[in-house]
Structure formats: structure tokens, C-alpha cells
Amino acid sequence: MQLDSLQAQHQFFIRQRIRMMVNQYEVRAVAPDGTEGPMLAFAQQKRLAFKEQVTIYTDDSKQYPLLGFKARQRLDLGATYDVTDHAGTPIGLFRKDFAQSLLRSTWHVEQAGLPQVTGQERSMPVALLRRFVDSLSWLPYHFDFVAGGQPVFSVVKKWGLRDRYVVEIQSPHIDRRLVIAMAIGLDALQGR
């Protein structure tokens, strides 16, 4: 997929595939009728890795990397993840705000030339339920990412046994690859 075509997307779906030893995610465009359209990207993360790393490919053949993100350190409660393109060129980063995440998960997203974007779970009751009742991992949630009080993008986890997300982007300036990395990170890293 061409970068210009990806950058033109304002909404996409992410669906987790059920696999034994890896987490896999399909990123799909929204079709004109509002259903899942063509694949934009495919992500794979090894479970139980010492240093979190996720590679995102152009499709599920995994022949052509599109981008990836990797933790800076092995064990870090407020871990920072660097997001790079297929050649290793930095796109941006995201990091968990450990202190604020004790009650409501909070993430910061940074891209050169843009103000810092902060994302937080919208519902405090849902956030608290998810922390104290481990069996409620299927519970939907809604993250709003804002900069200077203006919406940048949102990630909504839908009801269901499999993890499914709707990502909506309000800012034309944020790199869609960074949004994809953060959205996948919400699922892959949220419990850490």
C-alpha cells in the first residue's frame, strides 16, 4: 500500500486473529458500505518476549514490513515504544503514563512537528472494572486521543469474544502509521 493512500484513511478496523504463540492483527480499510474493506496492514507480536516488539507488514504474507514498534527497555512500568518505518527511520513514539494509568489507562503519542497527543480511557467505571475484575478483558472500552483540547483520533474496542476495534482519525496531520502502532499497542500492551 502506498503511504499517500494510507495517510488518506480517516477510519479503519483492527481485528485480532486467534493464534497460540503469537498475537496477530488485521488492519482493514472501511468499505463504502461501512463494513470491513481491503487489508491495509498486518501485525504480528510474539507472546512472552523479553523486549516488546511488533512488526507491521503490508499484508499477511509478511513479505514487506511497513513499520514496527519496539520498547526501549525490557522492564519499564512507563515504557516508551519507538515507532519506525520499514527502513528504521523514526516516525514517532508512544509511552504509557504509569501514574495516571493506575486508575485510568493513559498514553502519550509524539510525532515531530506536532504537539504531544494524550489518550485516555473515556469511562472511569469501565477502567476500574477492567482493573479489578480480570475476567472482564472482553469488556469494550473507548480511548480518546487529544492535543491542546482538540480530538486527534479515537480507538473503540467493540463487544465480542475476539478483540475488534474501530479507529477514527480527526487530524489530517498525524501519521496513520503512528495511529496504527498505538491502536495495536493498546491491545498488545494494555495488560502490562
Protein backbone atom coordinates (compact mmCIF):
# COMPACT_ATOMS: atom_id res chain seq x y z
CA MET A 1 0.00 0.00 0.00
CA GLN A 2 1.24 3.46 -0.88
CA LEU A 3 1.91 5.81 2.03
CA ASP A 4 -0.29 8.53 0.47
CA SER A 5 -3.19 6.10 0.27
CA LEU A 6 -2.72 5.08 3.90
CA GLN A 7 -2.46 8.71 5.02
CA ALA A 8 -5.79 9.44 3.29
CA GLN A 9 -7.62 6.99 5.62
CA HIS A 10 -9.85 8.57 8.27
CA GLN A 11 -11.22 5.36 9.70
CA PHE A 12 -10.15 1.73 9.83
CA PHE A 13 -10.87 -1.52 11.63
CA ILE A 14 -8.46 -3.68 13.60
CA ARG A 15 -9.28 -7.30 14.35
CA GLN A 16 -7.17 -9.72 16.38
CA ARG A 17 -6.68 -13.21 14.99
CA ILE A 18 -6.71 -16.09 17.46
CA ARG A 19 -3.34 -17.89 17.41
CA MET A 20 -1.48 -19.96 20.03
CA MET A 21 2.02 -18.46 20.17
CA VAL A 22 1.63 -15.03 18.57
CA ASN A 23 -0.76 -12.10 18.58
CA GLN A 24 -1.82 -11.21 15.06
CA TYR A 25 -3.85 -8.22 13.94
CA GLU A 26 -5.52 -7.31 10.67
CA VAL A 27 -5.86 -3.61 9.88
CA ARG A 28 -8.59 -3.04 7.31
CA ALA A 29 -9.98 -0.02 5.50
CA VAL A 30 -13.65 0.83 5.78
CA ALA A 31 -15.64 -0.15 2.69
CA PRO A 32 -18.18 2.34 1.23
CA ASP A 33 -21.00 0.38 2.91
CA GLY A 34 -19.31 0.70 6.34
CA THR A 35 -18.11 -2.91 6.54
CA GLU A 36 -14.53 -4.17 6.59
CA GLY A 37 -12.74 -3.38 3.36
CA PRO A 38 -9.31 -4.30 1.98
CA MET A 39 -6.36 -5.05 4.25
CA LEU A 40 -4.14 -2.05 4.95
CA ALA A 41 -1.65 -3.81 7.21
CA PHE A 42 -0.99 -6.99 9.18
CA ALA A 43 0.78 -7.09 12.55
CA GLN A 44 2.44 -9.88 14.46
CA GLN A 45 3.76 -9.91 18.04
CA LYS A 46 5.46 -12.84 19.71
CA ARG A 47 3.99 -13.60 23.12
CA LEU A 48 6.21 -13.67 26.18
CA ALA A 49 9.04 -11.74 24.52
CA PHE A 50 11.59 -10.17 26.90
CA LYS A 51 11.58 -6.91 24.99
CA GLU A 52 8.28 -6.00 23.36
CA GLN A 53 8.48 -5.68 19.61
CA VAL A 54 5.75 -5.72 16.98
CA THR A 55 6.31 -5.75 13.23
CA ILE A 56 3.55 -4.46 10.97
CA TYR A 57 3.57 -5.68 7.37
CA THR A 58 1.75 -4.58 4.23
CA ASP A 59 -0.29 -7.84 4.30
CA ASP A 60 -0.47 -11.27 5.91
CA SER A 61 2.18 -12.77 3.61
CA LYS A 62 4.65 -10.91 5.88
CA GLN A 63 7.00 -10.25 2.95
CA TYR A 64 7.14 -6.46 3.17
CA PRO A 65 7.47 -4.66 6.53
CA LEU A 66 5.58 -1.37 6.69
CA LEU A 67 6.56 -0.25 10.20
CA GLY A 68 7.19 -1.53 13.67
CA PHE A 69 7.44 -0.53 17.28
CA LYS A 70 9.85 -1.64 19.95
CA ALA A 71 10.25 -1.00 23.68
CA ARG A 72 13.32 1.00 24.65
CA GLN A 73 13.86 -1.09 27.78
CA ARG A 74 12.99 -4.61 28.88
CA LEU A 75 11.09 -3.91 32.07
CA ASP A 76 9.67 -0.44 32.45
CA LEU A 77 6.31 0.36 34.02
CA GLY A 78 6.05 3.55 31.96
CA ALA A 79 7.60 2.01 28.87
CA THR A 80 8.39 4.06 25.77
CA TYR A 81 7.94 2.46 22.36
CA ASP A 82 9.76 3.83 19.33
CA VAL A 83 7.81 3.60 16.06
CA THR A 84 9.90 3.33 12.89
CA ASP A 85 9.20 2.76 9.21
CA HIS A 86 10.38 -0.28 7.25
CA ALA A 87 13.89 1.22 6.90
CA GLY A 88 14.24 2.09 10.59
CA THR A 89 13.53 5.81 10.15
CA PRO A 90 11.71 7.23 13.21
CA ILE A 91 8.01 8.03 12.78
CA GLY A 92 7.28 8.87 16.41
CA LEU A 93 6.81 7.21 19.76
CA PHE A 94 4.20 6.33 22.34
CA ARG A 95 4.53 5.76 26.06
CA LYS A 96 2.36 4.73 28.94
CA ASP A 97 1.83 7.22 31.76
CA PHE A 98 2.23 4.79 34.67
CA ALA A 99 0.97 7.09 37.44
CA GLN A 100 -2.21 8.15 35.62
CA SER A 101 -2.78 4.60 34.39
CA LEU A 102 -3.28 3.27 37.90
CA LEU A 103 -6.94 4.32 37.69
CA ARG A 104 -7.50 5.04 34.00
CA SER A 105 -5.08 3.94 31.27
CA THR A 106 -3.27 6.93 29.79
CA TRP A 107 -0.86 7.03 26.85
CA HIS A 108 1.18 9.81 25.24
CA VAL A 109 1.90 9.86 21.50
CA GLU A 110 4.62 12.04 19.97
CA GLN A 111 5.35 12.90 16.35
CA ALA A 112 7.89 15.51 15.25
CA GLY A 113 6.25 18.82 14.38
CA LEU A 114 3.03 18.10 16.29
CA PRO A 115 2.04 18.82 19.89
CA GLN A 116 2.02 15.84 22.26
CA VAL A 117 -1.15 13.77 21.98
CA THR A 118 -2.62 12.23 25.14
CA GLY A 119 -5.04 9.32 25.08
CA GLN A 120 -7.14 8.17 28.00
CA GLU A 121 -9.97 5.75 28.62
CA ARG A 122 -13.22 7.70 28.40
CA SER A 123 -15.13 5.80 31.10
CA MET A 124 -13.78 5.72 34.66
CA PRO A 125 -16.24 2.94 35.72
CA VAL A 126 -15.15 0.70 32.82
CA ALA A 127 -11.49 1.44 33.58
CA LEU A 128 -11.94 0.46 37.22
CA LEU A 129 -13.89 -2.69 36.35
CA ARG A 130 -11.17 -3.80 33.93
CA ARG A 131 -8.52 -3.38 36.64
CA PHE A 132 -10.24 -5.21 39.44
CA VAL A 133 -12.09 -8.00 37.59
CA ASP A 134 -9.54 -9.84 35.46
CA SER A 135 -12.13 -11.97 33.65
CA LEU A 136 -13.61 -8.83 32.04
CA SER A 137 -10.89 -8.47 29.40
CA TRP A 138 -13.64 -8.73 26.75
CA LEU A 139 -15.27 -5.56 28.08
CA PRO A 140 -15.33 -2.78 25.45
CA TYR A 141 -13.53 0.49 26.04
CA HIS A 142 -13.09 3.84 24.35
CA PHE A 143 -9.86 5.85 24.18
CA ASP A 144 -9.89 9.49 23.13
CA PHE A 145 -6.57 10.96 21.99
CA VAL A 146 -6.38 14.77 22.11
CA ALA A 147 -3.82 17.54 21.71
CA GLY A 148 -4.47 21.01 23.09
CA GLY A 149 -8.09 20.05 23.78
CA GLN A 150 -8.68 19.08 20.14
CA PRO A 151 -9.52 15.49 19.12
CA VAL A 152 -6.80 13.73 17.12
CA PHE A 153 -8.05 10.14 16.99
CA SER A 154 -10.05 7.58 18.95
CA VAL A 155 -9.88 3.83 19.43
CA VAL A 156 -13.05 1.95 20.37
CA LYS A 157 -12.95 -1.70 21.40
CA LYS A 158 -16.21 -3.40 20.41
CA TRP A 159 -18.22 -6.05 22.26
CA GLY A 160 -17.28 -9.62 21.45
CA LEU A 161 -15.15 -12.62 22.25
CA ARG A 162 -12.50 -11.59 19.73
CA ASP A 163 -10.84 -8.20 20.05
CA ARG A 164 -12.18 -5.80 17.40
CA TYR A 165 -11.54 -2.08 17.20
CA VAL A 166 -12.78 0.91 15.26
CA VAL A 167 -10.21 3.68 14.84
CA GLU A 168 -11.36 7.16 13.79
CA ILE A 169 -8.89 9.90 12.91
CA GLN A 170 -9.88 13.55 13.15
CA SER A 171 -6.48 15.17 12.47
CA PRO A 172 -5.14 15.25 8.90
CA HIS A 173 -1.60 15.80 10.24
CA ILE A 174 -0.94 12.72 12.35
CA ASP A 175 0.89 9.89 10.61
CA ARG A 176 -1.55 6.99 10.15
CA ARG A 177 1.30 4.53 10.77
CA LEU A 178 1.75 6.01 14.26
CA VAL A 179 -2.00 5.70 14.87
CA ILE A 180 -1.95 2.04 13.74
CA ALA A 181 1.00 1.31 16.04
CA MET A 182 -0.73 2.94 19.03
CA ALA A 183 -4.05 1.18 18.35
CA ILE A 184 -2.36 -2.23 18.14
CA GLY A 185 -0.30 -1.33 21.20
CA LEU A 186 -3.48 -0.74 23.18
CA ASP A 187 -4.41 -4.38 22.70
CA ALA A 188 -0.96 -5.95 22.77
CA LEU A 189 0.42 -3.96 25.72
CA GLN A 190 -2.58 -2.89 27.77
CA GLY A 191 -2.23 -5.60 30.43
CA ARG A 192 1.43 -4.92 31.07
